[in-house]
Amino acid sequence: MAGKEGVIKFTLNHTEKACITPGQVVEIDGWRHIMHRLQLIGQDPARYQGYGFGNISMRLEDNPESFIITGTQTGGLDHLQAKDYALVTACNAKTNTITARGRTRPSSEALTHGQLYQLDANIRCVLHVHSPDIWNNAEKMRLQATRADAAYGTVEMAMAVEQLFSGDVVRKSRIFSMGGHEDGVVSFGSCIHEACNIMIATLARTEMCK
């Protein structure tokens, strides 16, 4: 189940141009920094072949069809600048395509983020982390999980997420484990505070599983 991190598996239509302002990333980067300090987002030579892991995105208030997401392989940076984020303007899981602009390319998990935004118009933030503690205790904590044969960043993963959404459990819990993606866990919310606090609270719950 351990696959190489950071490899973009979708067809990317990317325009390299500055389109994100520093003001647009203040809130998202503050929360990303907390996830980085918790080692839920990061880069470690001893983990995942040394590739960066974890990403966060936020839907734009003035353009709900678009979202800002951390750039691919930025996990090792403590703080990101506007140039380290990408703006996804279109996402189509069925055709496996992403259209984006920015100085960097979007995270390799952008397809999953886009699928969640399309499934629920009330979702404003999606957080994807790598947490061995949560992932290994997902069943004990009764977290829903995507199929083990659905690899990260693929159409199969996007479809697996849609399948989870066909029930009420994930819609209410707002968190799930990625069964086919080692240590991968996703939370989401109506605001960035909700998405991140759900992840932190779930991490705290793992202490009761020890």
N, C-alpha and C. Protein backbone atom coordinates (compact mmCIF):
# COMPACT_ATOMS: atom_id res chain seq x y z
N MET A 1 0.81 -1.21 0.00
CA MET A 1 0.00 0.00 0.00
C MET A 1 0.85 1.26 0.00
N ALA A 2 2.15 1.13 0.22
CA ALA A 2 3.03 2.30 0.22
C ALA A 2 3.42 2.62 -1.19
N GLY A 3 2.99 3.76 -1.70
CA GLY A 3 3.34 4.18 -3.05
C GLY A 3 4.22 5.41 -2.99
N LYS A 4 4.87 5.72 -4.09
CA LYS A 4 5.73 6.88 -4.14
C LYS A 4 4.89 8.14 -4.00
N GLU A 5 5.30 9.04 -3.11
CA GLU A 5 4.58 10.28 -2.87
C GLU A 5 4.89 11.31 -3.94
N GLY A 6 3.98 12.28 -4.07
CA GLY A 6 4.26 13.47 -4.86
C GLY A 6 4.19 13.29 -6.36
N VAL A 7 3.79 12.13 -6.86
CA VAL A 7 3.71 11.90 -8.30
C VAL A 7 2.32 12.27 -8.78
N ILE A 8 2.23 13.26 -9.68
CA ILE A 8 0.94 13.68 -10.22
C ILE A 8 0.45 12.64 -11.21
N LYS A 9 -0.74 12.09 -10.96
CA LYS A 9 -1.28 11.00 -11.77
C LYS A 9 -2.41 11.45 -12.68
N PHE A 10 -2.84 12.70 -12.54
CA PHE A 10 -3.91 13.20 -13.39
C PHE A 10 -3.32 14.03 -14.54
N THR A 11 -4.13 14.30 -15.55
CA THR A 11 -3.72 15.18 -16.64
C THR A 11 -3.85 16.62 -16.15
N LEU A 12 -2.74 17.34 -16.17
CA LEU A 12 -2.72 18.69 -15.62
C LEU A 12 -2.58 19.72 -16.74
N ASN A 13 -3.54 20.62 -16.81
CA ASN A 13 -3.46 21.78 -17.70
C ASN A 13 -3.06 22.97 -16.84
N HIS A 14 -1.77 23.29 -16.85
CA HIS A 14 -1.24 24.27 -15.90
C HIS A 14 -0.68 25.49 -16.62
N THR A 15 -1.07 26.66 -16.15
CA THR A 15 -0.53 27.92 -16.66
C THR A 15 0.34 28.53 -15.58
N GLU A 16 1.61 28.69 -15.87
CA GLU A 16 2.54 29.23 -14.86
C GLU A 16 2.47 30.75 -14.87
N LYS A 17 1.75 31.29 -13.91
CA LYS A 17 1.62 32.74 -13.78
C LYS A 17 1.21 33.07 -12.35
N ALA A 18 1.66 34.22 -11.89
CA ALA A 18 1.28 34.66 -10.55
C ALA A 18 -0.20 35.01 -10.53
N CYS A 19 -0.95 34.40 -9.63
CA CYS A 19 -2.39 34.67 -9.57
C CYS A 19 -2.93 34.63 -8.14
N ILE A 20 -2.06 34.36 -7.18
CA ILE A 20 -2.46 34.28 -5.78
C ILE A 20 -1.74 35.37 -5.00
N THR A 21 -2.48 36.11 -4.20
CA THR A 21 -1.89 37.20 -3.42
C THR A 21 -1.51 36.73 -2.03
N PRO A 22 -0.55 37.39 -1.38
CA PRO A 22 -0.18 37.02 -0.01
C PRO A 22 -1.37 37.03 0.94
N GLY A 23 -2.28 37.97 0.75
CA GLY A 23 -3.43 38.05 1.63
C GLY A 23 -4.35 36.84 1.55
N GLN A 24 -4.37 36.18 0.40
CA GLN A 24 -5.24 35.02 0.20
C GLN A 24 -4.74 33.79 0.94
N VAL A 25 -3.47 33.77 1.34
CA VAL A 25 -2.92 32.55 1.94
C VAL A 25 -2.57 32.71 3.42
N VAL A 26 -2.91 33.85 4.01
CA VAL A 26 -2.56 34.06 5.43
C VAL A 26 -3.22 33.01 6.32
N GLU A 27 -4.53 32.83 6.16
CA GLU A 27 -5.25 31.90 7.04
C GLU A 27 -4.87 30.45 6.75
N ILE A 28 -4.83 30.08 5.49
CA ILE A 28 -4.53 28.69 5.15
C ILE A 28 -3.11 28.33 5.55
N ASP A 29 -2.18 29.27 5.42
CA ASP A 29 -0.79 28.94 5.77
C ASP A 29 -0.60 28.88 7.28
N GLY A 30 -1.40 29.66 8.03
CA GLY A 30 -1.32 29.56 9.48
C GLY A 30 -1.70 28.18 9.97
N TRP A 31 -2.80 27.64 9.43
CA TRP A 31 -3.22 26.29 9.81
C TRP A 31 -2.28 25.23 9.26
N ARG A 32 -1.77 25.44 8.05
CA ARG A 32 -0.81 24.48 7.51
C ARG A 32 0.42 24.41 8.40
N HIS A 33 0.86 25.55 8.92
CA HIS A 33 2.03 25.57 9.80
C HIS A 33 1.80 24.72 11.05
N ILE A 34 0.59 24.79 11.60
CA ILE A 34 0.26 23.96 12.77
C ILE A 34 0.34 22.48 12.41
N MET A 35 -0.20 22.10 11.25
CA MET A 35 -0.13 20.71 10.80
C MET A 35 1.31 20.28 10.57
N HIS A 36 2.12 21.21 10.10
CA HIS A 36 3.54 20.92 9.88
C HIS A 36 4.24 20.67 11.22
N ARG A 37 3.92 21.47 12.23
CA ARG A 37 4.52 21.30 13.56
C ARG A 37 4.09 19.98 14.19
N LEU A 38 2.89 19.53 13.88
CA LEU A 38 2.39 18.24 14.38
C LEU A 38 2.90 17.07 13.55
N GLN A 39 3.69 17.37 12.51
CA GLN A 39 4.26 16.36 11.61
C GLN A 39 3.18 15.60 10.83
N LEU A 40 2.05 16.25 10.63
CA LEU A 40 0.99 15.68 9.81
C LEU A 40 1.18 16.08 8.35
N ILE A 41 1.86 17.19 8.14
CA ILE A 41 2.33 17.64 6.84
C ILE A 41 3.83 17.83 6.97
N GLY A 42 4.60 17.39 6.00
CA GLY A 42 6.03 17.57 6.13
C GLY A 42 6.85 16.80 5.12
N GLN A 43 8.09 16.57 5.50
CA GLN A 43 9.02 15.81 4.67
C GLN A 43 10.09 15.24 5.59
N ASP A 44 10.32 13.95 5.48
CA ASP A 44 11.23 13.24 6.37
C ASP A 44 11.97 12.20 5.54
N PRO A 45 13.31 12.21 5.54
CA PRO A 45 14.06 11.23 4.77
C PRO A 45 13.72 9.78 5.11
N ALA A 46 13.21 9.57 6.33
CA ALA A 46 12.90 8.21 6.78
C ALA A 46 11.47 7.79 6.45
N ARG A 47 10.67 8.69 5.87
CA ARG A 47 9.27 8.36 5.57
C ARG A 47 8.98 8.55 4.08
N TYR A 48 8.29 7.60 3.49
CA TYR A 48 7.78 7.71 2.12
C TYR A 48 8.85 8.07 1.10
N GLN A 49 9.97 7.38 1.18
CA GLN A 49 11.09 7.56 0.26
C GLN A 49 11.62 9.00 0.26
N GLY A 50 11.37 9.72 1.33
CA GLY A 50 11.89 11.08 1.44
C GLY A 50 11.05 12.14 0.76
N TYR A 51 9.92 11.75 0.16
CA TYR A 51 9.07 12.72 -0.51
C TYR A 51 8.22 13.49 0.49
N GLY A 52 7.84 14.72 0.12
CA GLY A 52 6.95 15.52 0.94
C GLY A 52 5.58 14.87 1.02
N PHE A 53 4.86 15.15 2.10
CA PHE A 53 3.53 14.54 2.28
C PHE A 53 2.57 15.53 2.93
N GLY A 54 1.29 15.33 2.63
CA GLY A 54 0.23 16.15 3.21
C GLY A 54 -0.04 17.42 2.42
N ASN A 55 -1.28 17.87 2.44
CA ASN A 55 -1.66 19.08 1.71
C ASN A 55 -2.97 19.62 2.27
N ILE A 56 -3.22 20.88 1.97
CA ILE A 56 -4.44 21.53 2.45
C ILE A 56 -4.95 22.46 1.36
N SER A 57 -6.26 22.59 1.27
CA SER A 57 -6.85 23.48 0.28
C SER A 57 -8.00 24.26 0.89
N MET A 58 -8.37 25.35 0.23
CA MET A 58 -9.46 26.18 0.71
C MET A 58 -10.21 26.76 -0.49
N ARG A 59 -11.53 26.61 -0.47
CA ARG A 59 -12.35 27.14 -1.56
C ARG A 59 -12.38 28.67 -1.49
N LEU A 60 -12.36 29.32 -2.64
CA LEU A 60 -12.40 30.77 -2.68
C LEU A 60 -13.81 31.27 -2.39
N GLU A 61 -13.91 32.32 -1.58
CA GLU A 61 -15.21 32.89 -1.23
C GLU A 61 -15.87 33.54 -2.45
N ASP A 62 -15.06 34.26 -3.24
CA ASP A 62 -15.62 35.00 -4.37
C ASP A 62 -15.72 34.17 -5.65
N ASN A 63 -15.18 32.95 -5.62
CA ASN A 63 -15.26 32.07 -6.79
C ASN A 63 -15.33 30.64 -6.31
N PRO A 64 -16.50 30.16 -5.87
CA PRO A 64 -16.64 28.85 -5.23
C PRO A 64 -16.30 27.66 -6.13
N GLU A 65 -16.13 27.89 -7.42
CA GLU A 65 -15.76 26.79 -8.32
C GLU A 65 -14.26 26.55 -8.30
N SER A 66 -13.51 27.44 -7.65
CA SER A 66 -12.05 27.35 -7.61
C SER A 66 -11.56 27.17 -6.17
N PHE A 67 -10.37 26.61 -6.03
CA PHE A 67 -9.79 26.49 -4.69
C PHE A 67 -8.27 26.62 -4.74
N ILE A 68 -7.73 27.16 -3.65
CA ILE A 68 -6.29 27.27 -3.47
C ILE A 68 -5.80 26.00 -2.80
N ILE A 69 -4.67 25.47 -3.27
CA ILE A 69 -4.11 24.25 -2.68
C ILE A 69 -2.59 24.35 -2.63
N THR A 70 -2.01 23.74 -1.63
CA THR A 70 -0.56 23.73 -1.52
C THR A 70 0.06 23.09 -2.76
N GLY A 71 1.21 23.60 -3.15
CA GLY A 71 1.89 23.10 -4.34
C GLY A 71 2.51 21.73 -4.11
N THR A 72 2.74 21.01 -5.17
CA THR A 72 3.35 19.70 -5.07
C THR A 72 4.76 19.79 -4.49
N GLN A 73 5.08 18.88 -3.62
CA GLN A 73 6.38 18.77 -2.97
C GLN A 73 6.82 20.05 -2.25
N THR A 74 5.91 20.60 -1.46
CA THR A 74 6.23 21.75 -0.60
C THR A 74 6.20 21.34 0.87
N GLY A 75 6.04 20.04 1.13
CA GLY A 75 5.89 19.57 2.51
C GLY A 75 7.05 19.90 3.42
N GLY A 76 8.23 20.01 2.88
CA GLY A 76 9.40 20.24 3.71
C GLY A 76 9.54 21.67 4.20
N LEU A 77 8.77 22.59 3.64
CA LEU A 77 8.87 24.00 4.01
C LEU A 77 8.04 24.29 5.26
N ASP A 78 8.64 25.05 6.18
CA ASP A 78 7.95 25.40 7.42
C ASP A 78 6.76 26.32 7.15
N HIS A 79 6.97 27.33 6.37
CA HIS A 79 5.92 28.25 5.94
C HIS A 79 5.95 28.35 4.43
N LEU A 80 4.79 28.57 3.81
CA LEU A 80 4.71 28.75 2.37
C LEU A 80 4.39 30.19 2.03
N GLN A 81 4.83 30.62 0.86
CA GLN A 81 4.49 31.93 0.33
C GLN A 81 3.41 31.76 -0.73
N ALA A 82 2.89 32.86 -1.23
CA ALA A 82 1.84 32.80 -2.24
C ALA A 82 2.28 31.99 -3.45
N LYS A 83 3.54 32.09 -3.81
CA LYS A 83 4.05 31.36 -4.97
C LYS A 83 4.09 29.85 -4.77
N ASP A 84 3.94 29.41 -3.54
CA ASP A 84 3.98 27.98 -3.23
C ASP A 84 2.59 27.34 -3.23
N TYR A 85 1.57 28.12 -3.58
CA TYR A 85 0.21 27.63 -3.70
C TYR A 85 -0.23 27.69 -5.16
N ALA A 86 -1.16 26.82 -5.51
CA ALA A 86 -1.72 26.81 -6.87
C ALA A 86 -3.22 27.08 -6.78
N LEU A 87 -3.75 27.64 -7.84
CA LEU A 87 -5.18 27.90 -7.93
C LEU A 87 -5.79 26.91 -8.92
N VAL A 88 -6.62 26.01 -8.41
CA VAL A 88 -7.31 25.04 -9.27
C VAL A 88 -8.62 25.66 -9.71
N THR A 89 -8.80 25.78 -11.02
CA THR A 89 -10.00 26.42 -11.57
C THR A 89 -11.00 25.43 -12.15
N ALA A 90 -10.57 24.20 -12.38
CA ALA A 90 -11.47 23.17 -12.90
C ALA A 90 -10.95 21.80 -12.52
N CYS A 91 -11.89 20.91 -12.18
CA CYS A 91 -11.53 19.55 -11.78
C CYS A 91 -12.58 18.60 -12.33
N ASN A 92 -12.13 17.56 -13.02
CA ASN A 92 -13.05 16.58 -13.59
C ASN A 92 -12.52 15.18 -13.30
N ALA A 93 -13.09 14.54 -12.28
CA ALA A 93 -12.62 13.22 -11.89
C ALA A 93 -12.86 12.17 -12.97
N LYS A 94 -13.95 12.34 -13.73
CA LYS A 94 -14.28 11.34 -14.75
C LYS A 94 -13.27 11.32 -15.89
N THR A 95 -12.74 12.50 -16.23
CA THR A 95 -11.74 12.57 -17.30
C THR A 95 -10.32 12.67 -16.74
N ASN A 96 -10.19 12.65 -15.41
CA ASN A 96 -8.89 12.67 -14.74
C ASN A 96 -8.08 13.91 -15.11
N THR A 97 -8.75 15.07 -15.11
CA THR A 97 -8.06 16.29 -15.49
C THR A 97 -8.22 17.39 -14.44
N ILE A 98 -7.16 18.19 -14.32
CA ILE A 98 -7.13 19.35 -13.45
C ILE A 98 -6.63 20.54 -14.27
N THR A 99 -7.31 21.68 -14.12
CA THR A 99 -6.83 22.92 -14.72
C THR A 99 -6.43 23.86 -13.60
N ALA A 100 -5.23 24.40 -13.69
CA ALA A 100 -4.72 25.21 -12.58
C ALA A 100 -3.80 26.32 -13.09
N ARG A 101 -3.64 27.32 -12.23
CA ARG A 101 -2.70 28.41 -12.50
C ARG A 101 -1.85 28.62 -11.26
N GLY A 102 -0.71 29.27 -11.43
CA GLY A 102 0.15 29.58 -10.30
C GLY A 102 1.61 29.36 -10.63
N ARG A 103 2.47 29.78 -9.72
CA ARG A 103 3.90 29.62 -9.91
C ARG A 103 4.35 28.18 -9.67
N THR A 104 3.48 27.39 -9.04
CA THR A 104 3.79 25.99 -8.79
C THR A 104 2.63 25.12 -9.24
N ARG A 105 2.89 23.85 -9.41
CA ARG A 105 1.82 22.93 -9.78
C ARG A 105 1.07 22.49 -8.52
N PRO A 106 -0.21 22.17 -8.65
CA PRO A 106 -1.00 21.77 -7.47
C PRO A 106 -0.57 20.41 -6.94
N SER A 107 -0.88 20.17 -5.69
CA SER A 107 -0.59 18.89 -5.04
C SER A 107 -1.10 17.71 -5.86
N SER A 108 -0.40 16.61 -5.75
CA SER A 108 -0.80 15.39 -6.46
C SER A 108 -2.13 14.84 -5.97
N GLU A 109 -2.64 15.34 -4.84
CA GLU A 109 -3.93 14.89 -4.31
C GLU A 109 -5.05 15.85 -4.67
N ALA A 110 -4.80 16.77 -5.60
CA ALA A 110 -5.79 17.80 -5.94
C ALA A 110 -7.09 17.21 -6.46
N LEU A 111 -7.03 16.06 -7.11
CA LEU A 111 -8.25 15.44 -7.65
C LEU A 111 -9.21 15.05 -6.53
N THR A 112 -8.66 14.54 -5.43
CA THR A 112 -9.49 14.17 -4.29
C THR A 112 -10.12 15.41 -3.65
N HIS A 113 -9.33 16.47 -3.52
CA HIS A 113 -9.86 17.73 -2.97
C HIS A 113 -11.01 18.22 -3.84
N GLY A 114 -10.77 18.25 -5.16
CA GLY A 114 -11.78 18.74 -6.08
C GLY A 114 -13.06 17.92 -6.03
N GLN A 115 -12.91 16.61 -5.87
CA GLN A 115 -14.08 15.74 -5.79
C GLN A 115 -14.92 16.07 -4.57
N LEU A 116 -14.28 16.32 -3.45
CA LEU A 116 -15.01 16.66 -2.23
C LEU A 116 -15.77 17.98 -2.38
N TYR A 117 -15.13 18.97 -2.98
CA TYR A 117 -15.80 20.25 -3.18
C TYR A 117 -17.03 20.09 -4.08
N GLN A 118 -16.93 19.22 -5.06
CA GLN A 118 -18.05 19.02 -5.97
C GLN A 118 -19.18 18.21 -5.32
N LEU A 119 -18.84 17.37 -4.36
CA LEU A 119 -19.85 16.55 -3.70
C LEU A 119 -20.69 17.34 -2.70
N ASP A 120 -20.12 18.41 -2.15
CA ASP A 120 -20.84 19.17 -1.13
C ASP A 120 -20.45 20.65 -1.24
N ALA A 121 -21.40 21.47 -1.63
CA ALA A 121 -21.15 22.90 -1.81
C ALA A 121 -20.82 23.60 -0.50
N ASN A 122 -21.13 22.96 0.64
CA ASN A 122 -20.86 23.58 1.94
C ASN A 122 -19.43 23.37 2.41
N ILE A 123 -18.68 22.50 1.76
CA ILE A 123 -17.29 22.27 2.14
C ILE A 123 -16.45 23.45 1.68
N ARG A 124 -15.71 24.04 2.62
CA ARG A 124 -14.85 25.18 2.30
C ARG A 124 -13.37 24.85 2.43
N CYS A 125 -13.06 23.74 3.11
CA CYS A 125 -11.66 23.38 3.30
C CYS A 125 -11.51 21.87 3.31
N VAL A 126 -10.41 21.39 2.72
CA VAL A 126 -10.07 19.96 2.73
C VAL A 126 -8.62 19.83 3.21
N LEU A 127 -8.41 18.92 4.14
CA LEU A 127 -7.09 18.68 4.71
C LEU A 127 -6.71 17.22 4.53
N HIS A 128 -5.56 16.97 3.93
CA HIS A 128 -5.05 15.61 3.75
C HIS A 128 -3.71 15.52 4.47
N VAL A 129 -3.62 14.64 5.46
CA VAL A 129 -2.40 14.49 6.24
C VAL A 129 -1.92 13.04 6.20
N HIS A 130 -0.75 12.84 6.74
CA HIS A 130 -0.24 11.49 6.95
C HIS A 130 -0.04 11.28 8.44
N SER A 131 -0.86 10.41 9.00
CA SER A 131 -0.80 10.15 10.44
C SER A 131 -0.82 8.64 10.68
N PRO A 132 0.32 8.04 10.99
CA PRO A 132 0.32 6.61 11.32
C PRO A 132 -0.60 6.30 12.50
N ASP A 133 -0.66 7.22 13.48
CA ASP A 133 -1.49 6.98 14.66
C ASP A 133 -2.96 6.87 14.29
N ILE A 134 -3.45 7.80 13.48
CA ILE A 134 -4.86 7.74 13.09
C ILE A 134 -5.11 6.57 12.13
N TRP A 135 -4.26 6.44 11.14
CA TRP A 135 -4.45 5.43 10.09
C TRP A 135 -4.47 4.01 10.66
N ASN A 136 -3.54 3.73 11.58
CA ASN A 136 -3.46 2.38 12.16
C ASN A 136 -4.56 2.10 13.18
N ASN A 137 -5.22 3.14 13.65
CA ASN A 137 -6.30 2.95 14.62
C ASN A 137 -7.67 3.32 14.05
N ALA A 138 -7.72 3.49 12.73
CA ALA A 138 -8.97 3.92 12.09
C ALA A 138 -10.13 2.97 12.39
N GLU A 139 -9.87 1.67 12.32
CA GLU A 139 -10.95 0.71 12.56
C GLU A 139 -11.41 0.76 14.01
N LYS A 140 -10.46 0.89 14.94
CA LYS A 140 -10.83 0.98 16.36
C LYS A 140 -11.69 2.20 16.63
N MET A 141 -11.39 3.28 15.93
CA MET A 141 -12.14 4.52 16.14
C MET A 141 -13.36 4.61 15.24
N ARG A 142 -13.59 3.53 14.49
CA ARG A 142 -14.76 3.42 13.61
C ARG A 142 -14.79 4.51 12.54
N LEU A 143 -13.60 4.83 12.03
CA LEU A 143 -13.53 5.75 10.91
C LEU A 143 -13.82 5.00 9.62
N GLN A 144 -14.58 5.61 8.74
CA GLN A 144 -14.80 5.04 7.43
C GLN A 144 -13.50 5.11 6.62
N ALA A 145 -13.34 4.20 5.66
CA ALA A 145 -12.11 4.17 4.86
C ALA A 145 -12.44 3.93 3.40
N THR A 146 -11.64 4.53 2.54
CA THR A 146 -11.76 4.25 1.12
C THR A 146 -11.21 2.86 0.83
N ARG A 147 -11.56 2.30 -0.32
CA ARG A 147 -11.14 0.95 -0.68
C ARG A 147 -9.61 0.84 -0.71
N ALA A 148 -9.12 -0.33 -0.32
CA ALA A 148 -7.68 -0.55 -0.28
C ALA A 148 -7.05 -0.55 -1.66
N ASP A 149 -7.85 -0.76 -2.70
CA ASP A 149 -7.30 -0.79 -4.07
C ASP A 149 -7.37 0.58 -4.75
N ALA A 150 -7.77 1.61 -4.01
CA ALA A 150 -7.84 2.96 -4.57
C ALA A 150 -6.59 3.73 -4.18
N ALA A 151 -5.70 3.95 -5.14
CA ALA A 151 -4.44 4.65 -4.87
C ALA A 151 -4.66 6.15 -4.81
N TYR A 152 -3.74 6.86 -4.15
CA TYR A 152 -3.90 8.31 -3.99
C TYR A 152 -3.83 9.01 -5.35
N GLY A 153 -4.54 10.12 -5.45
CA GLY A 153 -4.46 10.97 -6.62
C GLY A 153 -5.01 10.38 -7.90
N THR A 154 -5.84 9.35 -7.81
CA THR A 154 -6.36 8.69 -8.99
C THR A 154 -7.87 8.85 -9.10
N VAL A 155 -8.39 8.51 -10.29
CA VAL A 155 -9.83 8.50 -10.49
C VAL A 155 -10.47 7.51 -9.53
N GLU A 156 -9.80 6.38 -9.30
CA GLU A 156 -10.33 5.35 -8.39
C GLU A 156 -10.50 5.91 -6.98
N MET A 157 -9.54 6.75 -6.53
CA MET A 157 -9.67 7.36 -5.21
C MET A 157 -10.84 8.34 -5.19
N ALA A 158 -10.97 9.14 -6.24
CA ALA A 158 -12.07 10.10 -6.31
C ALA A 158 -13.41 9.38 -6.28
N MET A 159 -13.51 8.26 -6.99
CA MET A 159 -14.75 7.49 -7.01
C MET A 159 -15.00 6.83 -5.65
N ALA A 160 -13.92 6.41 -4.99
CA ALA A 160 -14.05 5.81 -3.66
C ALA A 160 -14.57 6.83 -2.66
N VAL A 161 -14.12 8.07 -2.79
CA VAL A 161 -14.61 9.15 -1.92
C VAL A 161 -16.10 9.39 -2.18
N GLU A 162 -16.48 9.38 -3.45
CA GLU A 162 -17.90 9.56 -3.78
C GLU A 162 -18.74 8.43 -3.20
N GLN A 163 -18.19 7.22 -3.21
CA GLN A 163 -18.90 6.08 -2.65
C GLN A 163 -19.12 6.26 -1.14
N LEU A 164 -18.10 6.76 -0.44
CA LEU A 164 -18.25 7.03 0.99
C LEU A 164 -19.37 8.05 1.24
N PHE A 165 -19.47 9.03 0.35
CA PHE A 165 -20.45 10.08 0.51
C PHE A 165 -21.87 9.62 0.24
N SER A 166 -22.02 8.41 -0.29
CA SER A 166 -23.36 7.89 -0.54
C SER A 166 -24.06 7.54 0.77
N GLY A 167 -23.29 7.42 1.85
CA GLY A 167 -23.86 7.20 3.17
C GLY A 167 -23.76 8.44 4.02
N ASP A 168 -24.28 8.38 5.23
CA ASP A 168 -24.32 9.55 6.11
C ASP A 168 -23.14 9.64 7.07
N VAL A 169 -22.42 8.54 7.26
CA VAL A 169 -21.38 8.51 8.30
C VAL A 169 -20.30 9.54 8.04
N VAL A 170 -19.73 9.54 6.85
CA VAL A 170 -18.64 10.47 6.53
C VAL A 170 -19.15 11.90 6.45
N ARG A 171 -20.34 12.08 5.94
CA ARG A 171 -20.92 13.43 5.88
C ARG A 171 -21.02 14.05 7.27
N LYS A 172 -21.30 13.21 8.28
CA LYS A 172 -21.44 13.70 9.64
C LYS A 172 -20.10 13.79 10.36
N SER A 173 -19.25 12.78 10.20
CA SER A 173 -17.97 12.77 10.90
C SER A 173 -16.97 13.73 10.29
N ARG A 174 -17.06 13.94 8.96
CA ARG A 174 -16.19 14.84 8.21
C ARG A 174 -14.72 14.43 8.26
N ILE A 175 -14.49 13.13 8.34
CA ILE A 175 -13.13 12.60 8.32
C ILE A 175 -13.19 11.16 7.84
N PHE A 176 -12.15 10.74 7.11
CA PHE A 176 -12.06 9.34 6.70
C PHE A 176 -10.61 8.96 6.46
N SER A 177 -10.36 7.68 6.53
CA SER A 177 -9.03 7.12 6.27
C SER A 177 -8.94 6.69 4.81
N MET A 178 -7.74 6.76 4.26
CA MET A 178 -7.52 6.35 2.87
C MET A 178 -6.94 4.94 2.90
N GLY A 179 -7.79 3.96 2.69
CA GLY A 179 -7.39 2.57 2.86
C GLY A 179 -6.25 2.13 1.98
N GLY A 180 -6.11 2.71 0.79
CA GLY A 180 -5.06 2.32 -0.13
C GLY A 180 -3.90 3.28 -0.17
N HIS A 181 -3.80 4.16 0.80
CA HIS A 181 -2.76 5.19 0.82
C HIS A 181 -2.15 5.22 2.22
N GLU A 182 -0.99 4.66 2.40
CA GLU A 182 -0.38 4.48 3.71
C GLU A 182 -0.38 5.77 4.54
N ASP A 183 -0.99 5.71 5.70
CA ASP A 183 -1.05 6.79 6.68
C ASP A 183 -1.93 7.96 6.25
N GLY A 184 -2.59 7.86 5.10
CA GLY A 184 -3.38 8.97 4.59
C GLY A 184 -4.73 9.12 5.30
N VAL A 185 -5.02 10.34 5.74
CA VAL A 185 -6.28 10.65 6.40
C VAL A 185 -6.76 12.00 5.86
N VAL A 186 -8.06 12.12 5.62
CA VAL A 186 -8.64 13.35 5.08
C VAL A 186 -9.75 13.85 6.00
N SER A 187 -9.73 15.14 6.29
CA SER A 187 -10.84 15.78 6.99
C SER A 187 -11.28 16.99 6.18
N PHE A 188 -12.49 17.45 6.44
CA PHE A 188 -13.02 18.59 5.68
C PHE A 188 -14.04 19.30 6.55
N GLY A 189 -14.39 20.52 6.16
CA GLY A 189 -15.35 21.25 6.96
C GLY A 189 -15.91 22.46 6.25
N SER A 190 -16.87 23.08 6.89
CA SER A 190 -17.50 24.27 6.34
C SER A 190 -16.61 25.49 6.47
N CYS A 191 -15.52 25.35 7.23
CA CYS A 191 -14.50 26.39 7.33
C CYS A 191 -13.19 25.71 7.66
N ILE A 192 -12.10 26.41 7.53
CA ILE A 192 -10.79 25.82 7.74
C ILE A 192 -10.59 25.41 9.20
N HIS A 193 -11.19 26.17 10.11
CA HIS A 193 -11.08 25.84 11.53
C HIS A 193 -11.71 24.48 11.81
N GLU A 194 -12.87 24.23 11.24
CA GLU A 194 -13.55 22.96 11.47
C GLU A 194 -12.74 21.80 10.92
N ALA A 195 -12.28 21.90 9.69
CA ALA A 195 -11.53 20.81 9.07
C ALA A 195 -10.28 20.46 9.87
N CYS A 196 -9.55 21.48 10.32
CA CYS A 196 -8.30 21.24 11.04
C CYS A 196 -8.55 20.76 12.47
N ASN A 197 -9.56 21.32 13.13
CA ASN A 197 -9.85 20.90 14.50
C ASN A 197 -10.35 19.46 14.56
N ILE A 198 -11.08 19.02 13.54
CA ILE A 198 -11.52 17.62 13.48
C ILE A 198 -10.31 16.70 13.41
N MET A 199 -9.32 17.08 12.61
CA MET A 199 -8.11 16.25 12.50
C MET A 199 -7.35 16.21 13.82
N ILE A 200 -7.19 17.35 14.45
CA ILE A 200 -6.46 17.40 15.72
C ILE A 200 -7.19 16.61 16.80
N ALA A 201 -8.51 16.73 16.86
CA ALA A 201 -9.30 15.99 17.85
C ALA A 201 -9.20 14.49 17.61
N THR A 202 -9.18 14.08 16.35
CA THR A 202 -9.06 12.65 16.04
C THR A 202 -7.68 12.13 16.41
N LEU A 203 -6.66 12.94 16.20
CA LEU A 203 -5.31 12.56 16.62
C LEU A 203 -5.26 12.37 18.13
N ALA A 204 -5.92 13.25 18.86
CA ALA A 204 -5.95 13.13 20.32
C ALA A 204 -6.66 11.84 20.75
N ARG A 205 -7.68 11.43 20.02
CA ARG A 205 -8.42 10.21 20.35
C ARG A 205 -7.56 8.96 20.25
N THR A 206 -6.51 9.02 19.45
CA THR A 206 -5.67 7.82 19.29
C THR A 206 -4.96 7.46 20.60
N GLU A 207 -4.83 8.41 21.49
CA GLU A 207 -4.19 8.12 22.77
C GLU A 207 -5.01 7.10 23.56
N MET A 208 -6.30 7.06 23.34
CA MET A 208 -7.15 6.10 24.05
C MET A 208 -7.09 4.71 23.43
N CYS A 209 -6.42 4.60 22.28
CA CYS A 209 -6.30 3.31 21.60
C CYS A 209 -5.02 2.58 21.98
N LYS A 210 -4.17 3.25 22.76
CA LYS A 210 -2.87 2.66 23.10
C LYS A 210 -2.98 1.77 24.32
